[in-house]
């Protein structure tokens, strides 16, 4: 499932277990979410989507749900919407 792949990638960047990531999880609440993690997330999301993710897009990501929306994953079923 694409949603699980995204969850696993983001969890690795945040140095947490994928089960800890919920749609409402605030990225800033993870101690590993620093400037390096933000850049790693930007590159990872670019690879995941196959297109560049811009700094303004990255700055709008506050929750894991925001990440899901950016890549076009429907939170209900974990598939591209």
Protein backbone atom coordinates (compact mmCIF):
# COMPACT_ATOMS: atom_id res chain seq x y z
CA UNK A 1 0.00 0.00 0.00
CA UNK A 2 1.39 3.39 -1.01
CA UNK A 3 0.25 5.04 2.22
CA UNK A 4 2.29 2.57 4.28
CA UNK A 5 5.39 3.21 2.18
CA UNK A 6 5.00 6.94 2.84
CA UNK A 7 4.40 6.34 6.56
CA UNK A 8 7.52 4.15 6.77
CA UNK A 9 9.66 6.75 4.98
CA UNK A 10 8.48 9.63 7.18
CA UNK A 11 8.83 7.52 10.35
CA UNK A 12 12.42 6.72 9.44
CA UNK A 13 13.19 10.43 8.94
CA UNK A 14 11.52 11.27 12.26
CA UNK A 15 13.33 8.37 13.97
CA UNK A 16 10.11 6.88 15.27
CA UNK A 17 7.98 3.81 14.77
CA UNK A 18 5.54 4.03 11.86
CA UNK A 19 2.68 3.14 14.22
CA UNK A 20 3.31 6.45 16.03
CA UNK A 21 2.40 8.45 12.90
CA UNK A 22 -1.25 9.36 12.72
CA UNK A 23 -2.85 11.81 10.31
CA UNK A 24 -2.97 14.40 13.12
CA UNK A 25 0.62 13.84 14.30
CA UNK A 26 2.42 17.18 14.47
CA UNK A 27 5.81 16.90 12.76
CA UNK A 28 7.28 19.45 15.19
CA UNK A 29 6.41 17.13 18.10
CA UNK A 30 9.15 14.71 17.05
CA UNK A 31 12.55 15.67 18.46
CA UNK A 32 14.28 14.43 15.29
CA UNK A 33 12.37 16.96 13.14
CA UNK A 34 15.15 19.48 12.73
CA UNK A 35 16.57 21.30 9.71
CA UNK A 36 18.35 18.18 8.45
CA UNK A 37 15.15 16.14 8.77
CA UNK A 38 13.23 18.82 6.86
CA UNK A 39 15.72 18.65 3.97
CA UNK A 40 15.67 14.85 4.08
CA UNK A 41 11.87 14.94 3.98
CA UNK A 42 11.94 17.35 1.04
CA UNK A 43 14.24 15.04 -0.94
CA UNK A 44 12.29 11.93 0.11
CA UNK A 45 8.98 13.46 -0.94
CA UNK A 46 10.51 14.57 -4.24
CA UNK A 47 11.63 10.99 -4.88
CA UNK A 48 8.25 9.65 -3.73
CA UNK A 49 6.24 11.95 -6.00
CA UNK A 50 8.65 12.06 -8.92
CA UNK A 51 8.63 15.86 -8.92
CA UNK A 52 10.48 18.53 -6.99
CA UNK A 53 8.95 19.54 -3.67
CA UNK A 54 9.47 23.25 -3.10
CA UNK A 55 10.47 25.01 0.09
CA UNK A 56 7.07 26.79 0.28
CA UNK A 57 5.33 23.39 0.03
CA UNK A 58 7.60 22.01 2.74
CA UNK A 59 6.86 24.93 5.03
CA UNK A 60 3.12 24.15 4.81
CA UNK A 61 3.64 20.66 6.24
CA UNK A 62 2.63 20.69 9.88
CA UNK A 63 1.07 17.23 10.31
CA UNK A 64 1.51 13.82 8.76
CA UNK A 65 -1.91 14.42 7.18
CA UNK A 66 -0.43 17.44 5.39
CA UNK A 67 2.31 15.18 4.03
CA UNK A 68 -0.32 12.71 2.81
CA UNK A 69 -2.26 15.49 1.07
CA UNK A 70 0.89 16.83 -0.59
CA UNK A 71 1.59 13.50 -2.24
CA UNK A 72 -2.09 12.93 -3.04
CA UNK A 73 -2.85 10.07 -0.67
CA UNK A 74 -6.40 9.71 0.59
CA UNK A 75 -6.28 9.25 4.37
CA UNK A 76 -9.36 7.01 4.26
CA UNK A 77 -7.81 4.19 2.26
CA UNK A 78 -4.11 4.99 1.95
CA UNK A 79 -4.20 5.17 -1.85
CA UNK A 80 -3.62 8.00 -4.28
CA UNK A 81 -6.73 10.16 -4.50
